[in-house]
Amino acid sequence: MNAAIFLDRDGVINQPIFRNGLNKPIAPWSMEEFKLYEGIEKPLQELADNKYYLFVVTNQPDIAKGIIDSSLVEKMNEIIMLTLPVVEIAYCPHGDHHGCNCRKPKPGMILELAEKWNVKLKESFLIGDGWKDIKAGKSAGCKTILLDRNYNKGVSTDYHVKSLAEAVKIVKGGNAL
């Protein structure tokens, strides 16, 4: 059995976009808007070096809304795969109204990856920036780490951290609950 780190994409791997003056993050709609967080390579490599599989699990409802095409999401994901030590990326192209099992807060993407890669979920972590990420991780049986952002106050999680580097310390420290 293997352990894994499940990472949300927008707000964890790449910078989210804020539109219309709202304090609600959304995914980028173009390659020009898609920017990985500066320095993200080091903490993720540290996790991979500690024998964790790294997976990205991301909701991409703008596909269902017709705002972006799945080929654009695939290009963004390809950059992640070429730049970071990520093993696989799973994304849900549906909106909330579809009721699918893959859309977070449901744990479908996590469970499918865990089965495919023989991952022991109790030894794994979900790192996210929103309540849907955390709920999906908890539902799957992972420990959860929330990256504190100005838009996610009040989310209940196992660990709150200010940075991905702090999350790595928790994971490496084996601070399991």
Protein backbone atom coordinates (compact mmCIF):
# COMPACT_ATOMS: atom_id res chain seq x y z
CA MET A 1 0.00 0.00 0.00
CA ASN A 2 1.10 3.54 -0.78
CA ALA A 3 0.41 6.92 0.76
CA ALA A 4 -0.59 9.94 -1.29
CA ILE A 5 -1.09 13.66 -1.19
CA PHE A 6 -4.24 14.82 -3.00
CA LEU A 7 -3.94 18.46 -4.02
CA ASP A 8 -6.58 20.84 -5.23
CA ARG A 9 -5.48 22.75 -8.34
CA ASP A 10 -6.79 26.34 -8.35
CA GLY A 11 -5.62 28.10 -5.19
CA VAL A 12 -3.10 25.39 -4.25
CA ILE A 13 -1.05 24.64 -7.38
CA ASN A 14 -1.86 27.74 -9.40
CA GLN A 15 -3.07 31.20 -8.53
CA PRO A 16 -6.85 31.55 -8.58
CA ILE A 17 -8.57 34.35 -10.45
CA PHE A 18 -10.95 36.84 -8.84
CA ARG A 19 -13.53 38.37 -11.17
CA ASN A 20 -16.00 41.23 -10.80
CA GLY A 21 -14.54 42.35 -7.48
CA LEU A 22 -15.78 39.21 -5.71
CA ASN A 23 -13.81 37.46 -2.99
CA LYS A 24 -14.60 34.10 -4.56
CA PRO A 25 -11.75 32.37 -6.40
CA ILE A 26 -12.31 30.73 -9.77
CA ALA A 27 -10.19 28.86 -12.28
CA PRO A 28 -8.27 30.66 -15.00
CA TRP A 29 -10.03 30.95 -18.37
CA SER A 30 -6.92 31.32 -20.53
CA MET A 31 -3.29 30.23 -20.66
CA GLU A 32 -2.31 33.85 -19.92
CA GLU A 33 -4.22 33.65 -16.62
CA PHE A 34 -2.75 30.26 -15.68
CA LYS A 35 0.19 30.85 -13.34
CA LEU A 36 1.73 28.29 -11.00
CA TYR A 37 2.51 29.60 -7.54
CA GLU A 38 6.10 30.75 -7.36
CA GLY A 39 8.33 28.24 -5.58
CA ILE A 40 5.79 25.42 -5.61
CA GLU A 41 8.26 22.94 -7.09
CA LYS A 42 10.38 22.59 -3.94
CA PRO A 43 7.71 21.61 -1.38
CA LEU A 44 6.04 19.21 -3.84
CA GLN A 45 9.36 17.60 -4.70
CA GLU A 46 10.00 17.20 -0.98
CA LEU A 47 6.73 15.27 -0.64
CA ALA A 48 7.53 13.10 -3.66
CA ASP A 49 11.01 12.42 -2.23
CA ASN A 50 9.30 11.17 0.94
CA LYS A 51 7.56 8.45 -1.09
CA TYR A 52 4.17 10.11 -1.43
CA TYR A 53 2.29 9.86 -4.67
CA LEU A 54 1.10 13.34 -5.66
CA PHE A 55 -2.30 13.65 -7.30
CA VAL A 56 -4.29 16.70 -8.33
CA VAL A 57 -8.09 16.54 -7.93
CA THR A 58 -9.92 19.53 -9.30
CA ASN A 59 -13.44 20.68 -10.10
CA GLN A 60 -13.63 22.40 -13.49
CA PRO A 61 -17.31 23.39 -13.86
CA ASP A 62 -16.49 26.07 -16.43
CA ILE A 63 -16.33 23.23 -18.98
CA ALA A 64 -19.99 22.37 -18.33
CA LYS A 65 -20.89 26.07 -18.42
CA GLY A 66 -19.30 26.40 -21.87
CA ILE A 67 -16.85 29.06 -20.65
CA ILE A 68 -13.78 26.99 -21.50
CA ASP A 69 -13.10 23.88 -23.51
CA SER A 70 -11.72 20.72 -21.92
CA SER A 71 -8.68 21.01 -24.23
CA LEU A 72 -7.66 24.19 -22.36
CA VAL A 73 -7.91 22.40 -19.00
CA GLU A 74 -5.82 19.58 -20.48
CA LYS A 75 -3.12 22.09 -21.60
CA MET A 76 -3.00 23.57 -18.10
CA ASN A 77 -2.79 20.11 -16.58
CA GLU A 78 -0.01 19.19 -19.01
CA ILE A 79 2.05 22.12 -17.70
CA ILE A 80 1.54 20.82 -14.16
CA MET A 81 2.58 17.29 -15.18
CA LEU A 82 5.71 18.57 -16.98
CA THR A 83 6.72 20.98 -14.19
CA LEU A 84 5.80 19.21 -10.95
CA PRO A 85 6.24 15.64 -9.63
CA VAL A 86 2.52 14.90 -10.00
CA VAL A 87 1.62 11.31 -10.87
CA GLU A 88 -1.88 11.94 -12.20
CA ILE A 89 -4.52 14.66 -12.46
CA ALA A 90 -8.24 13.97 -12.17
CA TYR A 91 -10.77 16.65 -12.98
CA CYS A 92 -14.54 16.89 -12.85
CA PRO A 93 -16.03 18.82 -15.78
CA HIS A 94 -19.51 18.93 -14.22
CA GLY A 95 -21.49 21.57 -12.35
CA ASP A 96 -23.18 21.12 -8.98
CA HIS A 97 -26.51 20.41 -10.66
CA HIS A 98 -25.17 17.28 -12.39
CA GLY A 99 -25.05 15.34 -9.10
CA CYS A 100 -22.02 13.29 -10.22
CA ASN A 101 -19.80 11.39 -7.81
CA CYS A 102 -16.60 12.97 -9.08
CA ARG A 103 -17.39 16.56 -8.12
CA LYS A 104 -16.01 17.65 -4.79
CA PRO A 105 -17.28 17.70 -2.05
CA LYS A 106 -17.97 14.09 -3.03
CA PRO A 107 -14.84 11.92 -2.81
CA GLY A 108 -15.17 10.16 -6.19
CA MET A 109 -11.93 11.40 -7.77
CA ILE A 110 -9.94 10.56 -4.64
CA LEU A 111 -11.46 7.09 -4.32
CA GLU A 112 -10.84 6.26 -7.99
CA LEU A 113 -7.20 7.32 -7.80
CA ALA A 114 -6.73 5.46 -4.51
CA GLU A 115 -8.06 2.26 -6.04
CA LYS A 116 -6.04 2.63 -9.23
CA TRP A 117 -2.76 3.34 -7.42
CA ASN A 118 -3.32 1.11 -4.35
CA VAL A 119 -3.30 4.07 -1.96
CA LYS A 120 -3.93 3.71 1.74
CA LEU A 121 -6.22 6.67 2.43
CA LYS A 122 -5.74 6.70 6.22
CA GLU A 123 -2.06 7.46 5.63
CA SER A 124 -2.81 10.09 2.99
CA PHE A 125 -3.55 13.81 3.04
CA LEU A 126 -5.76 16.16 1.09
CA ILE A 127 -4.41 19.71 0.76
CA GLY A 128 -6.95 22.27 -0.37
CA ASP A 129 -8.10 25.85 -0.11
CA GLY A 130 -11.86 25.39 0.23
CA TRP A 131 -14.55 23.55 2.15
CA LYS A 132 -15.36 21.26 -0.80
CA ASP A 133 -11.76 20.05 -0.88
CA ILE A 134 -11.72 19.38 2.85
CA LYS A 135 -15.07 17.60 2.86
CA ALA A 136 -13.99 15.37 -0.05
CA GLY A 137 -10.76 14.49 1.75
CA LYS A 138 -12.53 13.70 5.02
CA SER A 139 -15.19 11.64 3.21
CA ALA A 140 -12.44 9.61 1.57
CA GLY A 141 -10.73 8.99 4.91
CA CYS A 142 -7.72 11.29 4.45
CA LYS A 143 -6.25 13.73 6.91
CA THR A 144 -6.96 17.25 5.68
CA ILE A 145 -4.87 20.41 5.47
CA LEU A 146 -6.39 23.76 4.59
CA LEU A 147 -4.20 26.50 3.13
CA ASP A 148 -5.51 29.58 4.90
CA ARG A 149 -6.64 32.20 2.44
CA ASN A 150 -8.65 35.38 2.90
CA TYR A 151 -11.63 33.67 1.24
CA ASN A 152 -11.88 30.46 3.31
CA LYS A 153 -12.27 31.53 6.93
CA GLY A 154 -14.26 29.22 9.18
CA VAL A 155 -13.55 25.96 7.32
CA SER A 156 -13.16 23.03 9.71
CA THR A 157 -10.13 20.85 8.94
CA ASP A 158 -7.50 18.72 10.66
CA TYR A 159 -4.77 21.31 10.07
CA HIS A 160 -4.68 24.99 9.09
CA VAL A 161 -1.46 26.26 7.48
CA LYS A 162 -0.32 29.47 5.87
CA SER A 163 1.79 27.83 3.16
CA LEU A 164 2.49 24.63 1.32
CA ALA A 165 5.88 24.52 3.07
CA GLU A 166 4.03 24.34 6.43
CA ALA A 167 1.84 21.55 5.05
CA VAL A 168 4.98 19.59 4.10
CA LYS A 169 6.23 19.87 7.70
CA ILE A 170 2.97 18.39 8.98
CA VAL A 171 3.07 15.55 6.47
CA LYS A 172 6.73 14.76 7.12
CA GLY A 173 6.27 15.02 10.87
CA GLY A 174 3.71 12.24 10.74
CA ASN A 175 1.33 14.33 12.81
CA ALA A 176 -1.51 11.95 12.15
CA LEU A 177 -4.65 12.34 14.19
